[in-house]
Amino acid sequence: MSSRFAPRTTPTRTTVRGGETAIPQGTGRGSTPRQAARTRTWTPPYPLNLGLTVGPLRRGPADPTFRVTPDGSAWRASRTPEGPGTLRVATRGGTVEAEAWGEGATWLLDQLPQLLGASDTPEDFTPRHRLLAATAHRRPGLRLIRTGLVLESLIPSILEQKVTTDEAYRAWRLLVRKYGVPAPGPVPAQLRMHVMPDPRTWTLIPSWEWHKAGVDNKRASTILRAARVAARLEEAAKMPPLKAQARLELIPGIGPWTSAETIQRSNGAPDAVTVGDLHLPGIIGYALADNRTADDEEMLRLLAPYEGQRHRAARLILLSGHTPPRRKPKMPKTDIALL
């Protein structure tokens, strides 16, 4: 088990979703002043890899809602049911230290165990392939997150529809920085963190600003429809995953790909496998059956032994690095702002 299981470093969309965020091995206690911070210390009863667990929340290296600092901290700016909030999380040994600021501080700290996988059940996963067994053994700190927030994962997932990762990350970054609010608390200025816009603000973004951000009318219209019924969509965070996906898919423009990408994060759904992806079926087909041309039907057939844990199986495959070598060029970029 040498290079075959080495992690892939090329940041394709699928490996970013399955991979982890590198968090430095710092002291776990930063030098940021405590400006009216609420704090919480929590010791998870399981091994926790912070970067591996919260990594799926990061939408690119310059995501204004998620940053990592050299002291080993992960910073997250969220719009909670109680208002904007900033969460700083670090680990020292087996203990999690958290600080939070803003109107949503208490909510974020109350949700901390769920965010870090307290409701996850990896013991229900039984590897049936050597590749998955090896990867699970090497990644004991993987936990599936549950943010309890739908829109903050839904909107960037809509932006990722049918475009390259770089295009989607750029659109998210530009729109959040322009129409969001600065993250509350003593966030280091160089992080440039912002809380995403509230639902009403999303609906008021002019058409030309979507265009400048490279977002076509179809994706912009889908976001507007979702924002108008944001309260109903947020209710999905407390539903069983299948019902939650069904609730999201009532919105025109939101299909199984987008709903799965959202529910994986908001609900911690271990079986919400992503279908309709450009690369994922080929990656899973190659890993489990040496078939790089697998389609969604074949992918689901290969993942059938992991029913109930198919999303976890897919993540482990992505983390294994055992992906097919590229033979075709990447999806071409189209900057609609230049049209």
Foldseek 3Di string as FASTA:
>chain_A
DPPLQDADDPDFPLLQQLAFADAAQAQFDDPQDFDVKDKDKDFDPFAADPRNACSNLDLDQLQQQWHHDNRRWIKGWEQDPQGTKIKIWHDDVRMIIIIMDDRCRVVCVVCVCQQRAVVFDCVLFDDPDPLLVVLCVVCRNYHQHAALFQLSQLLLLLLPPPATSVLSSQLSRQQQLVAFAAHDDRDPPVSSHTYGHQLVSLLVDDPLSCLQSQHDPLSSVLSNQCSVPVVQLSVLLPPPLVVSLVSSVVRPSDDLQSSLSRCSHNNVQQQSDHAPDPQQQLFQCCVQPNHNPGHRVVSCVSQVVRHRRSNVSSSSSSRSNNGDDDDDDDDDHDNSSVD
